[in-house]
């Protein structure tokens, strides 16, 4: 199957955005467990609210990664791939505007 050179580059960009998004999704629980271990082992030298600070930073990173992923533009029509007007479909398999299949 033949694809335009720009399409392959665009799908590679979407893959990087997906990886960043899933890194934030899957890193929260191990990160919190690490914070719990640190606080239990070094409870005198670790700030009292370290878990709260970590959670806030993680939430900001997650929101940023989500927005970055959802702002991916379709290689065919140039519109936002996961959005159409106010409708957002974060798990869309086709462009919400021109119906280009993902990785086509």
C-alpha atoms as a PDB file:
ATOM      1  CA  UNK A   1       0.000   0.000   0.000  1.00  0.00           C
ATOM      2  CA  UNK A   2       1.353   3.399  -0.978  1.00  0.00           C
ATOM      3  CA  UNK A   3       1.220   6.311   1.464  1.00  0.00           C
ATOM      4  CA  UNK A   4       2.259   9.899   1.032  1.00  0.00           C
ATOM      5  CA  UNK A   5       5.571  10.738   2.752  1.00  0.00           C
ATOM      6  CA  UNK A   6       3.895  13.348   4.947  1.00  0.00           C
ATOM      7  CA  UNK A   7       1.397  10.807   6.230  1.00  0.00           C
ATOM      8  CA  UNK A   8       4.082   8.499   7.623  1.00  0.00           C
ATOM      9  CA  UNK A   9       5.694  11.419   9.416  1.00  0.00           C
ATOM     10  CA  UNK A  10       2.332  12.526  10.823  1.00  0.00           C
ATOM     11  CA  UNK A  11       1.461   9.051  12.086  1.00  0.00           C
ATOM     12  CA  UNK A  12       4.898   8.867  13.735  1.00  0.00           C
ATOM     13  CA  UNK A  13       4.089  12.131  15.502  1.00  0.00           C
ATOM     14  CA  UNK A  14       0.766  10.690  16.690  1.00  0.00           C
ATOM     15  CA  UNK A  15       2.583   7.622  18.012  1.00  0.00           C
ATOM     16  CA  UNK A  16       4.940   9.834  20.044  1.00  0.00           C
ATOM     17  CA  UNK A  17       1.960  11.745  21.410  1.00  0.00           C
ATOM     18  CA  UNK A  18       0.261   8.454  22.344  1.00  0.00           C
ATOM     19  CA  UNK A  19       3.406   7.216  24.107  1.00  0.00           C
ATOM     20  CA  UNK A  20       3.675  10.424  26.133  1.00  0.00           C
ATOM     21  CA  UNK A  21       0.003  10.194  27.085  1.00  0.00           C
ATOM     22  CA  UNK A  22       0.271   6.552  28.167  1.00  0.00           C
ATOM     23  CA  UNK A  23       3.454   7.284  30.110  1.00  0.00           C
ATOM     24  CA  UNK A  24       1.499   9.698  32.296  1.00  0.00           C
ATOM     25  CA  UNK A  25      -1.440   7.301  32.620  1.00  0.00           C
ATOM     26  CA  UNK A  26       0.676   4.320  33.639  1.00  0.00           C
ATOM     27  CA  UNK A  27       3.280   6.121  35.763  1.00  0.00           C
ATOM     28  CA  UNK A  28       0.946   7.410  38.455  1.00  0.00           C
ATOM     29  CA  UNK A  29       0.541   4.267  40.578  1.00  0.00           C
ATOM     30  CA  UNK A  30       4.247   3.295  40.563  1.00  0.00           C
ATOM     31  CA  UNK A  31       5.151   6.901  41.321  1.00  0.00           C
ATOM     32  CA  UNK A  32       2.797   7.073  44.300  1.00  0.00           C
ATOM     33  CA  UNK A  33       4.133   3.745  45.582  1.00  0.00           C
ATOM     34  CA  UNK A  34       7.669   5.128  45.327  1.00  0.00           C
ATOM     35  CA  UNK A  35       6.613   8.230  47.273  1.00  0.00           C
ATOM     36  CA  UNK A  36       5.039   6.032  49.980  1.00  0.00           C
ATOM     37  CA  UNK A  37       8.258   4.013  50.301  1.00  0.00           C
ATOM     38  CA  UNK A  38      10.360   7.180  50.492  1.00  0.00           C
ATOM     39  CA  UNK A  39       8.141   8.757  53.101  1.00  0.00           C
ATOM     40  CA  UNK A  40       8.103   5.592  55.216  1.00  0.00           C
ATOM     41  CA  UNK A  41      11.877   5.112  55.062  1.00  0.00           C
ATOM     42  CA  UNK A  42      12.927   8.739  55.442  1.00  0.00           C
ATOM     43  CA  UNK A  43       9.920  10.227  57.194  1.00  0.00           C
ATOM     44  CA  UNK A  44      11.967  12.930  58.959  1.00  0.00           C
ATOM     45  CA  UNK A  45      13.849  14.288  55.948  1.00  0.00           C
ATOM     46  CA  UNK A  46      11.056  14.137  53.341  1.00  0.00           C
ATOM     47  CA  UNK A  47       8.495  16.964  53.125  1.00  0.00           C
ATOM     48  CA  UNK A  48       5.184  16.117  54.731  1.00  0.00           C
ATOM     49  CA  UNK A  49       3.066  16.778  51.650  1.00  0.00           C
ATOM     50  CA  UNK A  50       5.335  15.202  49.035  1.00  0.00           C
ATOM     51  CA  UNK A  51       2.528  12.929  47.797  1.00  0.00           C
ATOM     52  CA  UNK A  52       0.267  15.921  47.265  1.00  0.00           C
ATOM     53  CA  UNK A  53       2.968  17.796  45.362  1.00  0.00           C
ATOM     54  CA  UNK A  54       3.641  14.738  43.203  1.00  0.00           C
ATOM     55  CA  UNK A  55      -0.069  14.284  42.493  1.00  0.00           C
ATOM     56  CA  UNK A  56      -0.498  17.907  41.448  1.00  0.00           C
ATOM     57  CA  UNK A  57       2.558  17.759  39.181  1.00  0.00           C
ATOM     58  CA  UNK A  58       1.391  14.477  37.676  1.00  0.00           C
ATOM     59  CA  UNK A  59      -2.108  15.857  37.086  1.00  0.00           C
ATOM     60  CA  UNK A  60      -0.677  18.906  35.309  1.00  0.00           C
ATOM     61  CA  UNK A  61       1.522  16.654  33.161  1.00  0.00           C
ATOM     62  CA  UNK A  62      -1.410  14.367  32.388  1.00  0.00           C
ATOM     63  CA  UNK A  63      -3.611  17.307  31.374  1.00  0.00           C
ATOM     64  CA  UNK A  64      -0.827  18.698  29.184  1.00  0.00           C
ATOM     65  CA  UNK A  65      -0.181  15.325  27.527  1.00  0.00           C
ATOM     66  CA  UNK A  66      -3.921  14.835  26.938  1.00  0.00           C
ATOM     67  CA  UNK A  67      -4.286  18.261  25.346  1.00  0.00           C
ATOM     68  CA  UNK A  68      -1.124  17.713  23.265  1.00  0.00           C
ATOM     69  CA  UNK A  69      -2.461  14.361  21.998  1.00  0.00           C
ATOM     70  CA  UNK A  70      -5.898  15.801  21.206  1.00  0.00           C
ATOM     71  CA  UNK A  71      -4.378  18.683  19.244  1.00  0.00           C
ATOM     72  CA  UNK A  72      -3.005  16.293  16.585  1.00  0.00           C
ATOM     73  CA  UNK A  73      -3.961  17.449  13.095  1.00  0.00           C
ATOM     74  CA  UNK A  74      -5.151  15.084  10.396  1.00  0.00           C
ATOM     75  CA  UNK A  75      -2.571  14.683   7.616  1.00  0.00           C
ATOM     76  CA  UNK A  76      -5.303  14.769   4.939  1.00  0.00           C
ATOM     77  CA  UNK A  77      -7.627  17.628   5.899  1.00  0.00           C
ATOM     78  CA  UNK A  78      -5.497  19.528   8.431  1.00  0.00           C
ATOM     79  CA  UNK A  79      -8.320  19.673  10.978  1.00  0.00           C
ATOM     80  CA  UNK A  80      -8.045  18.353  14.521  1.00  0.00           C
ATOM     81  CA  UNK A  81      -8.142  14.550  14.285  1.00  0.00           C
ATOM     82  CA  UNK A  82      -9.931  13.850  17.586  1.00  0.00           C
ATOM     83  CA  UNK A  83     -12.284  16.860  17.579  1.00  0.00           C
ATOM     84  CA  UNK A  84     -15.136  18.181  15.534  1.00  0.00           C
ATOM     85  CA  UNK A  85     -16.611  21.442  16.728  1.00  0.00           C
ATOM     86  CA  UNK A  86     -17.227  20.788  20.435  1.00  0.00           C
ATOM     87  CA  UNK A  87     -17.332  16.993  20.150  1.00  0.00           C
ATOM     88  CA  UNK A  88     -14.145  15.304  21.392  1.00  0.00           C
ATOM     89  CA  UNK A  89     -13.558  11.597  20.787  1.00  0.00           C
ATOM     90  CA  UNK A  90     -10.164  10.721  22.361  1.00  0.00           C
ATOM     91  CA  UNK A  91     -10.262   7.117  21.140  1.00  0.00           C
ATOM     92  CA  UNK A  92     -11.303   7.877  17.553  1.00  0.00           C
ATOM     93  CA  UNK A  93     -10.059   5.416  14.940  1.00  0.00           C
ATOM     94  CA  UNK A  94     -10.941   7.802  12.096  1.00  0.00           C
ATOM     95  CA  UNK A  95     -10.566  11.531  11.642  1.00  0.00           C
ATOM     96  CA  UNK A  96     -13.633  13.227  13.058  1.00  0.00           C
ATOM     97  CA  UNK A  97     -13.754  15.543  10.022  1.00  0.00           C
ATOM     98  CA  UNK A  98     -12.755  13.607   6.866  1.00  0.00           C
ATOM     99  CA  UNK A  99     -12.992   9.971   8.124  1.00  0.00           C
ATOM    100  CA  UNK A 100      -9.357   9.167   7.289  1.00  0.00           C
ATOM    101  CA  UNK A 101      -8.570   5.894   9.039  1.00  0.00           C
ATOM    102  CA  UNK A 102      -5.837   6.021  11.629  1.00  0.00           C
ATOM    103  CA  UNK A 103      -2.424   5.058  10.171  1.00  0.00           C
ATOM    104  CA  UNK A 104      -3.864   4.965   6.639  1.00  0.00           C
END
